[in-house]
Structures are given as C-alpha cells and as structure tokens.
Protein backbone atom coordinates (compact mmCIF):
# COMPACT_ATOMS: atom_id res chain seq x y z
CA MET A 1 -0.08 0.05 0.00
CA LYS A 2 1.43 3.53 -1.04
CA GLY A 3 -1.03 5.68 0.79
CA LYS A 4 -4.45 6.59 2.28
CA LEU A 5 -6.87 9.17 1.31
CA ILE A 6 -8.23 10.46 4.70
CA GLY A 7 -10.89 12.87 5.13
CA HIS A 8 -14.56 11.48 4.53
CA GLU A 9 -16.60 11.22 7.80
CA SER A 10 -19.19 8.82 6.51
CA LEU A 11 -19.53 5.79 4.12
CA ILE A 12 -18.10 6.56 0.53
CA VAL A 13 -20.74 5.67 -2.11
CA THR A 14 -18.78 6.44 -5.40
CA PHE A 15 -15.36 7.51 -6.51
CA VAL A 16 -13.82 8.14 -10.15
CA ALA A 17 -10.34 8.63 -11.37
CA ILE A 18 -9.72 11.64 -13.74
CA ASP A 19 -7.99 10.56 -16.61
CA GLU A 20 -4.50 11.90 -17.66
CA THR A 21 -4.28 13.63 -14.18
CA PRO A 22 -3.20 12.44 -10.69
CA MET A 23 -6.60 13.31 -9.45
CA VAL A 24 -9.61 11.16 -7.82
CA VAL A 25 -13.00 12.55 -7.01
CA SER A 26 -15.07 10.84 -4.26
CA CYS A 27 -18.44 11.20 -2.74
CA ASP A 28 -19.74 9.82 0.66
CA ASP A 29 -23.50 9.20 1.69
CA ARG A 30 -23.59 12.65 3.32
CA GLN A 31 -23.30 14.11 -0.40
CA LYS A 32 -19.70 15.49 0.43
CA LEU A 33 -17.55 15.66 -2.53
CA LYS A 34 -13.80 15.58 -2.38
CA VAL A 35 -11.03 16.14 -4.89
CA TRP A 36 -7.76 14.22 -3.98
CA ASP A 37 -4.10 14.55 -5.29
CA LEU A 38 -2.78 11.04 -5.65
CA ARG A 39 1.00 12.59 -5.45
CA SER A 40 0.39 13.95 -1.90
CA TYR A 41 -2.60 11.99 -0.96
CA LYS A 42 -4.12 15.30 0.29
CA CYS A 43 -7.59 16.64 -0.16
CA LEU A 44 -7.72 19.52 -2.50
CA GLN A 45 -11.01 20.72 -2.30
CA THR A 46 -14.46 19.59 -0.67
CA VAL A 47 -18.00 20.54 -2.27
CA ASP A 48 -20.97 20.05 -0.19
CA PHE A 49 -24.06 18.85 -2.00
CA SER A 50 -26.12 17.94 1.09
CA GLY A 51 -29.93 18.88 0.66
CA ARG A 52 -29.73 18.18 -2.91
CA ALA A 53 -30.63 15.01 -5.14
CA ALA A 54 -28.62 11.89 -3.80
CA ILE A 55 -25.52 11.22 -5.88
CA ARG A 56 -25.19 7.70 -7.15
CA GLY A 57 -22.46 7.82 -9.45
CA LEU A 58 -19.48 9.92 -10.89
CA VAL A 59 -18.31 10.06 -14.78
CA SER A 60 -15.13 11.58 -15.68
CA LEU A 61 -15.61 13.68 -18.83
CA VAL A 62 -12.02 15.04 -19.12
CA ASP A 63 -12.13 15.49 -22.75
CA VAL A 64 -14.74 18.27 -22.21
CA GLY A 65 -13.11 19.22 -18.82
CA LYS A 66 -16.02 18.05 -16.71
CA ILE A 67 -17.24 15.68 -14.18
CA ALA A 68 -20.79 14.36 -14.29
CA LEU A 69 -22.88 13.66 -11.17
CA LEU A 70 -25.38 10.91 -11.64
CA GLY A 71 -28.76 11.02 -9.55
CA ASN A 72 -32.31 11.80 -10.31
CA ARG A 73 -30.73 14.45 -12.83
CA ILE A 74 -27.53 14.84 -14.42
CA GLU A 75 -25.36 17.69 -12.88
CA LEU A 76 -22.05 18.86 -14.60
CA LEU A 77 -19.01 20.28 -12.63
CA THR A 78 -16.23 21.98 -14.39
CA LEU A 79 -12.54 21.00 -14.10
CA ASP A 80 -10.98 24.45 -13.48
CA CYS A 81 -7.20 24.60 -13.89
CA ASP A 82 -5.20 26.49 -11.04
CA GLY A 83 -1.93 27.79 -12.28
CA GLY A 84 -1.34 24.77 -14.26
CA ARG A 85 -0.72 22.64 -11.21
CA ASN A 86 -3.96 21.34 -9.85
CA LYS A 87 -7.33 20.96 -10.99
CA HIS A 88 -10.48 21.80 -8.89
CA LEU A 89 -14.23 21.40 -9.50
CA LYS A 90 -16.37 24.27 -10.18
CA THR A 91 -20.13 24.01 -10.01
CA THR A 92 -22.07 24.87 -13.34
CA SER A 93 -25.76 24.84 -13.96
CA PRO A 94 -27.54 21.58 -13.57
CA VAL A 95 -28.52 19.95 -16.73
CA CYS A 96 -32.29 19.16 -16.39
CA ALA A 97 -33.53 16.52 -18.90
CA MET A 98 -36.71 17.27 -20.45
CA ARG A 99 -36.92 14.00 -22.19
CA VAL A 100 -34.79 10.82 -22.25
CA ASP A 101 -34.90 8.13 -24.99
CA PHE A 102 -32.65 5.15 -25.50
CA GLU A 103 -31.17 3.92 -28.84
CA PRO A 104 -30.17 0.38 -28.20
CA LEU A 105 -28.41 -0.38 -31.39
CA GLN A 106 -26.00 2.49 -30.97
CA HIS A 107 -25.91 2.03 -27.13
CA GLU A 108 -26.69 5.60 -26.87
CA LEU A 109 -28.91 7.68 -24.30
CA ILE A 110 -30.45 10.63 -25.97
CA VAL A 111 -31.02 13.38 -23.50
CA PHE A 112 -33.06 16.54 -24.59
CA THR A 113 -32.46 19.57 -22.55
CA LYS A 114 -33.56 23.04 -22.36
CA ASP A 115 -30.46 24.26 -24.30
CA ASP A 116 -29.16 21.23 -26.37
CA LEU A 117 -29.57 17.55 -27.39
CA ARG A 118 -26.83 15.24 -25.90
CA LEU A 119 -25.78 11.86 -27.13
CA TYR A 120 -24.30 9.81 -24.20
CA ASP A 121 -22.45 6.36 -24.73
CA VAL A 122 -24.18 4.21 -21.98
CA ARG A 123 -21.08 1.81 -21.97
CA THR A 124 -18.81 4.58 -20.97
CA GLY A 125 -20.87 7.26 -19.81
CA ARG A 126 -19.33 9.79 -21.93
CA ILE A 127 -20.82 12.38 -24.19
CA LYS A 128 -20.61 11.40 -27.82
CA HIS A 129 -22.03 14.52 -29.18
CA ILE A 130 -23.90 17.77 -28.25
CA PHE A 131 -26.33 19.56 -30.77
CA THR A 132 -27.03 23.20 -30.17
CA GLY A 133 -28.38 26.06 -31.97
CA TYR A 134 -31.43 24.59 -33.32
CA LEU A 135 -33.85 27.27 -31.84
CA GLN A 136 -34.01 30.87 -32.67
CA SER A 137 -32.93 33.12 -29.85
CA GLU A 138 -36.48 34.23 -28.72
CA GLU A 139 -37.66 30.45 -28.58
CA GLU A 140 -37.30 27.91 -25.97
CA PRO A 141 -38.12 24.02 -26.56
CA SER A 142 -41.40 22.88 -25.39
CA ALA A 143 -41.89 19.41 -26.63
CA TYR A 144 -39.38 16.56 -28.15
CA ARG A 145 -39.62 13.35 -30.03
CA TYR A 146 -36.90 10.95 -31.02
CA ILE A 147 -37.71 8.90 -34.12
CA HIS A 148 -35.89 5.54 -33.97
CA ASP A 149 -36.23 4.18 -37.49
CA GLY A 150 -35.76 7.68 -39.21
CA ARG A 151 -32.78 8.77 -37.15
CA ILE A 152 -34.19 12.30 -36.77
CA PHE A 153 -35.76 14.04 -33.79
CA ALA A 154 -38.73 16.50 -33.72
CA VAL A 155 -38.62 19.67 -31.59
CA GLY A 156 -41.50 21.87 -30.83
CA SER A 157 -40.91 25.37 -29.41
CA SER A 158 -42.56 27.89 -27.23
CA GLN A 159 -43.28 29.92 -30.71
CA GLY A 160 -45.39 26.95 -32.08
CA GLU A 161 -42.87 25.96 -34.50
CA LEU A 162 -42.33 22.08 -35.19
CA ARG A 163 -39.00 21.13 -36.98
CA LEU A 164 -37.21 17.88 -37.72
CA TYR A 165 -33.34 17.65 -37.43
CA SER A 166 -31.08 14.83 -38.51
CA LYS A 167 -29.52 12.90 -35.38
CA GLU A 168 -26.14 12.58 -37.37
CA THR A 169 -25.45 16.05 -38.34
CA GLY A 170 -28.09 18.10 -36.51
CA MET A 171 -29.04 19.79 -39.64
CA LEU A 172 -32.70 20.90 -40.31
CA VAL A 173 -34.54 18.21 -42.27
CA ALA A 174 -38.16 19.61 -42.45
CA GLN A 175 -40.37 22.20 -40.96
CA LEU A 176 -43.81 21.30 -40.41
CA GLU A 177 -47.09 23.46 -40.15
CA PRO A 178 -46.83 25.40 -36.84
CA HIS A 179 -49.08 25.78 -33.91
CA GLU A 180 -50.13 29.34 -32.76
CA GLY A 181 -48.58 28.84 -29.38
CA ASP A 182 -46.48 26.40 -27.37
CA ILE A 183 -46.35 22.91 -28.37
CA SER A 184 -47.16 20.57 -25.77
CA SER A 185 -46.80 17.00 -27.20
CA ILE A 186 -45.46 15.09 -30.23
CA MET A 187 -46.40 11.64 -31.17
CA TYR A 188 -45.22 9.75 -34.25
CA ASP A 189 -46.94 7.14 -36.52
CA ALA A 190 -43.99 5.26 -38.20
CA THR A 191 -46.29 3.07 -40.13
CA ASN A 192 -47.97 6.02 -41.95
CA ARG A 193 -45.06 8.46 -41.44
CA MET A 194 -47.15 10.92 -39.62
CA PHE A 195 -46.62 13.60 -36.93
CA ILE A 196 -49.14 14.38 -34.46
CA SER A 197 -48.63 17.46 -32.46
CA ALA A 198 -50.90 19.05 -29.80
CA GLY A 199 -50.53 22.68 -28.43
CA TRP A 200 -51.61 25.55 -26.10
CA ASP A 201 -53.70 26.79 -29.23
CA SER A 202 -56.28 23.97 -28.31
CA ASN A 203 -55.45 22.39 -31.68
CA ILE A 204 -54.39 18.95 -32.63
CA LEU A 205 -52.46 18.73 -36.00
CA ILE A 206 -51.67 15.59 -37.99
CA GLN A 207 -49.20 15.84 -40.70
CA LYS A 208 -48.13 13.19 -43.21
CA GLN A 209 -44.78 13.11 -45.22
CA ASN A 210 -44.93 13.58 -48.80
CA LYS A 211 -43.10 11.08 -51.22
CA GLY A 212 -40.18 12.69 -52.90
CA LYS A 213 -37.42 15.03 -51.84
CA PRO A 214 -36.83 17.62 -50.22
CA VAL A 215 -38.65 16.22 -47.15
CA ALA A 216 -42.16 17.71 -46.89
CA TYR A 217 -45.25 17.39 -44.94
CA GLU A 218 -48.79 18.46 -45.33
CA ARG A 219 -51.59 18.53 -42.81
CA ILE A 220 -54.25 15.94 -43.52
CA ARG A 221 -56.58 16.13 -40.53
CA SER A 222 -56.90 18.62 -37.67
CA ILE A 223 -58.75 18.71 -34.46
CA ARG A 224 -59.35 22.18 -33.37
CA ASP A 225 -60.79 24.44 -30.68
CA ASN A 226 -60.85 21.90 -27.99
CA PHE A 227 -61.79 22.20 -24.28
CA ASP A 228 -63.51 25.48 -24.90
CA LYS A 229 -60.28 26.90 -26.68
CA LYS A 230 -58.09 25.96 -23.79
CA GLU A 231 -54.66 24.56 -24.10
CA VAL A 232 -54.07 20.91 -24.77
CA ASN A 233 -51.16 19.93 -22.72
CA LEU A 234 -51.65 15.89 -22.60
CA MET A 235 -52.00 13.77 -25.39
CA GLU A 236 -51.59 10.00 -26.05
CA LEU A 237 -52.00 7.82 -29.37
CA SER A 238 -52.99 4.27 -29.71
CA LEU A 239 -52.35 3.02 -33.25
CA TYR A 240 -53.88 -0.44 -32.08
CA HIS A 241 -57.35 1.06 -31.41
CA SER A 242 -56.99 4.02 -33.77
CA LEU A 243 -57.60 6.48 -30.97
CA ILE A 244 -56.11 9.87 -29.64
CA ALA A 245 -56.77 10.78 -26.19
CA ALA A 246 -56.17 14.37 -24.81
CA GLY A 247 -56.50 16.36 -21.69
CA CYS A 248 -56.05 19.89 -20.46
CA SER A 249 -54.71 21.22 -17.26
CA ARG A 250 -57.53 23.70 -16.83
CA ASP A 251 -60.22 21.50 -17.89
CA GLY A 252 -61.85 18.24 -16.08
CA ASN A 253 -62.30 16.49 -19.27
CA VAL A 254 -60.36 13.72 -21.16
CA LEU A 255 -61.49 13.68 -24.81
CA ILE A 256 -61.11 10.69 -27.07
CA TRP A 257 -61.16 10.80 -30.77
CA ASP A 258 -60.88 8.45 -33.62
CA TYR A 259 -57.34 8.77 -35.21
CA THR A 260 -58.29 8.12 -38.92
CA THR A 261 -61.36 10.53 -38.98
CA ALA A 262 -60.64 13.00 -36.09
CA LYS A 263 -64.45 12.39 -34.89
CA LEU A 264 -64.97 12.92 -31.25
CA LEU A 265 -65.98 9.40 -29.62
CA ALA A 266 -66.33 10.03 -25.92
CA ALA A 267 -65.52 12.25 -23.04
CA VAL A 268 -64.44 11.50 -19.75
CA ASN A 269 -65.59 13.91 -16.96
CA LEU A 270 -63.55 14.34 -13.86
CA PRO A 271 -64.96 15.89 -10.70
CA GLN A 272 -65.02 19.81 -10.35
CA SER A 273 -61.47 21.13 -9.76
CA ILE A 274 -59.61 18.00 -10.52
CA GLU A 275 -57.17 18.00 -13.52
CA PRO A 276 -55.65 15.25 -15.54
CA THR A 277 -51.84 14.98 -15.17
CA ALA A 278 -50.83 11.90 -17.26
CA LEU A 279 -52.45 9.42 -19.90
CA GLY A 280 -51.58 6.08 -21.27
CA PHE A 281 -53.10 3.31 -23.33
CA VAL A 282 -52.74 -0.42 -22.68
CA ASN A 283 -53.04 -1.63 -26.31
CA GLY A 284 -55.17 -4.62 -26.99
CA ALA A 285 -56.42 -4.75 -23.41
CA GLY A 286 -58.70 -1.91 -23.94
CA ILE A 287 -57.59 -0.09 -20.94
CA LEU A 288 -57.05 3.80 -20.80
CA LEU A 289 -55.18 4.95 -17.66
CA VAL A 290 -55.72 8.60 -16.31
CA ALA A 291 -53.76 9.94 -13.54
CA ASP A 292 -54.94 13.25 -11.89
CA THR A 293 -54.45 15.84 -9.29
CA THR A 294 -56.34 14.01 -6.40
CA PRO A 295 -53.78 12.15 -6.85
CA ARG A 296 -54.87 8.90 -8.12
CA LEU A 297 -54.73 6.47 -11.11
CA LEU A 298 -57.99 5.69 -12.92
CA LEU A 299 -58.41 2.77 -15.29
CA LEU A 300 -60.99 2.99 -17.81
CA LYS A 301 -62.11 -0.04 -19.65
CA PHE A 302 -63.27 0.73 -23.05
CA GLU A 303 -64.80 -1.44 -26.07
CA ARG A 304 -64.68 -0.13 -29.53
CA LYS A 305 -67.12 -1.31 -32.35
CA LEU A 306 -66.63 0.82 -35.73
CA ASN A 307 -67.29 4.27 -34.70
CA LYS A 308 -68.88 3.72 -31.34
CA LEU A 309 -66.73 3.81 -28.09
CA LYS A 310 -68.18 2.22 -24.86
CA ILE A 311 -66.31 3.12 -21.86
CA GLY A 312 -66.59 2.97 -18.19
CA VAL A 313 -64.71 3.05 -14.88
CA TRP A 314 -63.05 -0.17 -13.94
CA MET A 315 -60.74 0.75 -11.03
CA CYS A 316 -59.25 3.65 -9.18
CA ILE A 317 -56.01 3.57 -7.06
CA PRO A 318 -55.15 6.25 -4.69
CA PHE A 319 -51.59 7.58 -4.24
CA LYS A 320 -51.99 9.80 -1.12
CA LYS A 321 -49.76 12.96 -1.83
CA LEU A 322 -47.77 11.37 -4.72
CA VAL A 323 -48.98 13.37 -7.75
CA ILE A 324 -48.26 11.50 -10.96
CA ASN A 325 -46.90 13.62 -13.74
CA HIS A 326 -45.84 10.91 -16.31
CA LEU A 327 -46.65 7.20 -16.82
CA LEU A 328 -44.94 4.56 -19.03
CA VAL A 329 -46.79 0.95 -20.07
CA ASP A 330 -44.33 -1.73 -20.05
CA ILE A 331 -45.29 -4.95 -22.37
CA ARG A 332 -43.68 -8.17 -21.48
CA THR A 333 -44.12 -9.82 -24.78
CA ASN A 334 -42.84 -9.73 -28.27
CA GLN A 335 -42.92 -6.14 -29.56
CA LYS A 336 -44.28 -7.72 -32.99
CA GLN A 337 -47.30 -9.01 -31.10
CA LEU A 338 -49.77 -6.01 -30.96
CA ARG A 339 -52.53 -7.52 -28.70
CA THR A 340 -51.79 -7.30 -25.06
CA THR A 341 -53.32 -9.01 -22.09
CA ILE A 342 -53.31 -7.74 -18.51
CA GLU A 343 -51.06 -10.58 -17.43
CA GLN A 344 -48.42 -9.01 -19.71
CA CYS A 345 -47.97 -5.49 -18.60
CA SER A 346 -46.99 -3.34 -15.71
CA VAL A 347 -47.32 0.43 -15.31
CA TYR A 348 -44.46 2.61 -14.26
CA LEU A 349 -45.41 6.03 -12.67
CA ALA A 350 -43.12 9.13 -12.07
CA HIS A 351 -44.20 11.30 -9.36
CA THR A 352 -43.52 15.13 -8.76
CA THR A 353 -41.51 14.17 -5.78
CA GLY A 354 -38.93 12.62 -7.92
CA ARG A 355 -40.15 8.94 -6.94
CA VAL A 356 -40.88 6.15 -9.51
CA SER A 357 -43.50 3.51 -8.68
CA GLU A 358 -44.80 0.48 -10.23
CA VAL A 359 -48.20 -0.75 -10.56
CA ASP A 360 -48.52 -4.40 -11.27
CA LEU A 361 -51.72 -4.67 -13.47
CA PRO A 362 -51.98 -8.61 -13.09
CA GLU A 363 -52.09 -8.54 -9.29
CA ILE A 364 -54.49 -5.56 -8.93
CA SER A 365 -56.85 -7.22 -11.56
CA LYS A 366 -57.51 -9.97 -8.93
CA LEU A 367 -58.94 -7.68 -6.42
CA PRO A 368 -62.44 -6.94 -5.98
CA VAL A 369 -63.60 -3.63 -7.68
CA GLU A 370 -65.73 -1.35 -5.56
CA PRO A 371 -67.85 0.89 -7.28
CA LEU A 372 -67.26 4.75 -6.60
CA PRO A 373 -69.79 6.75 -4.84
CA LYS A 374 -72.18 8.63 -7.08
CA ASN A 375 -71.49 12.00 -5.22
CA ASN A 376 -67.68 11.78 -5.68
CA SER A 377 -67.35 9.82 -8.96
CA TYR A 378 -65.79 9.81 -12.42
CA SER A 379 -68.45 10.19 -15.09
CA ALA A 380 -67.40 8.01 -18.23
CA GLU A 381 -70.94 7.38 -19.43
CA ARG A 382 -71.08 9.70 -22.33
CA GLN A 383 -71.25 7.91 -25.62
CA ILE A 384 -71.15 9.62 -28.89
CA ASN A 385 -72.32 7.70 -32.06
C-alpha cells in the first residue's frame, strides 16, 4: 500500500479517477464531494451537496473538462485549472433533462435539455455529441420526440414551430405546419409516417410526409378548438385502437377521438377542480390510464365497435400525496405481438416528488372492484355515435 486518502466522515458511495491527471474525486453518503491529489494523498477541495438530490455515480468527462454527477438528474461540474498545477471542481448549472430516449442499436442515451441535445454512450458514460443552436434566440423548446427508424428528432418550440433535425448532423430536415402557441406534445406514427402534435392553441394537427425530396409534410387532419379553446397539454396515441386521447390542465375532461377520422367518440368528465396529469393506453387490453391531481390513477375499460366507443370506470388507485406527472406502460411480450393482455404488462409512474413507482396490473386485476360513490365519481358514461 502506497498511501491512504483520509478525510471522509461517512460511507463512500462512489469515486472516479480523472484520466490524464493524478486526481481522484469521491463522494460519501452525506453528499460531500472531495477532490484528491494522488501525489500527496491530500484533499484539495470539498464540495457540499447535502440537501440536494442523492449522488449515485460519478463519470469523468475529461475530454470536455467536466465531471458528471449522476442522480435523479445529471449535473456537471467543471474542472478548473489552478495555475497549471492542480485541477479543482467548479459548479455549473445543472443539466435538467426534459426528455430521455434510448437507442439500443447504438448504445446511446439521448437526452433533451432546455439548451441542447446530448448523446451519451451508455457503455462509458461519455458524451458522444452535443447539438446546439437548433432554436431561434427568442424560442424555448417545449416538446421533443426522437424517431428511432428515421434517425431524426422533432423539436416543438414556445413559438409553435415544429421542426425535424438529423441525429447524425444536427441539420434541419423539414419544417412542419406550426401551432399558434407552445407545442405541448409530439407523437409519431411510423407506419404511415405521420406526426401528431398538440399545442396551447387548443389544436391537434396530424401531418403526413409527402413522397419525394426534399422532405416535406402536409396537414391531412386537424382537431381544433378543444376544451373551450383552452390549451391541450396532454396527448396519447393508440395505433392499435386507432384512438387519440387528450387532456387539459384547466379542464376536467379527457376527450377521445378516432385517429383516422378525427371524430369525437367520448368524453371522460373528472370531478370539479380535478385535472388530468398523465395519460396512457394498454393496447389490446382496451384500457385507458388517467392520472389526476387527487392524486390517483384511474383505469378506464373501453370497448370499440366501428365508430362507437363504450367506456366505463374499471378501477381507481389512490396515491395519497404522490401526484403522477408521467406514466409508462411496459409490455412483457414480443414487440411484434400487438395485442396485449393484463397479465403481460406493468405500469411505471413518475411522481412530482422524483419517485418512481410500479403498478402490477395482473395483481390488482385479481382484487374486487368497489364502485365509486355517485357524489364523488368519475363520469364516463357519455357515448357519442
């Protein structure tokens, strides 16, 4: 043994050696970050991150002069040279991910932030590329969508612009018909090469790619002036059932349309002053998931026959004070098998507190369903032919 690094007062949870330097960075379970010099075995700097999100890992990004702190979010620290002798850490603004996608073939983590798009190599934790400058100075990103088969990404802005960019070069590929306000959600239909976008102008636009070059899109359908002209801030698409569901943060309704005709099929009315916070479909099982501000998760069972949609409340799961702001349906079956049963899926819920919980649908489907009281129930009886 050549020496010891002494200074932490609690359990060390992670450490990393900074390439091409005699430096090591360590972190303990009290969120104390220390920079060490292996030549003298002395601590050069201590940074206190107590009271912030727990740090679970450190990644050296010496080629860009930074250290990445991995926790509930990614935060970067700059390696600052001190007279050419030592390197210290300088806190920079945290990198808050607005959306994260994964590209398994390239082993890439695709992170959309407010200022740029970052490609991470999941095998090394290093940044492979950063795309910047794809928005005008007065614009801010409001929605993202990465298209796996087309190797492009879509960006919606606070000015209502919807643009497509190449993942390889970052260059503009196409510009679609804009909204009149912030774009809140972007979905993609890979089979028909169509983009579906929702915005604060209360509109939903469906645009299809024209054949030929250059790449161009034209609007083929639109659903306008929804929720009494309030903003559409939630949208979910089910290609299996050919349905679009949407919600509004200032309206207690969840509206459901036919995807191919844009015809309204049903409206789910939440109790007064309760707003939807997340939506999701369980394709093949005929289930629409609706999270709200109560907070709770509502499971709606629906049956579709041609242009008729019969829908009703199946189950309601309370979550006390854990408001759900995002949900993901995980299907445990072959991806080519479109039809899904309850036994094949779980639902992952992201809460505003930063927690993630799992709902096992096969287990709860065995429980008896208690009817909701009429004076505080969800109304899902409206049927539109």
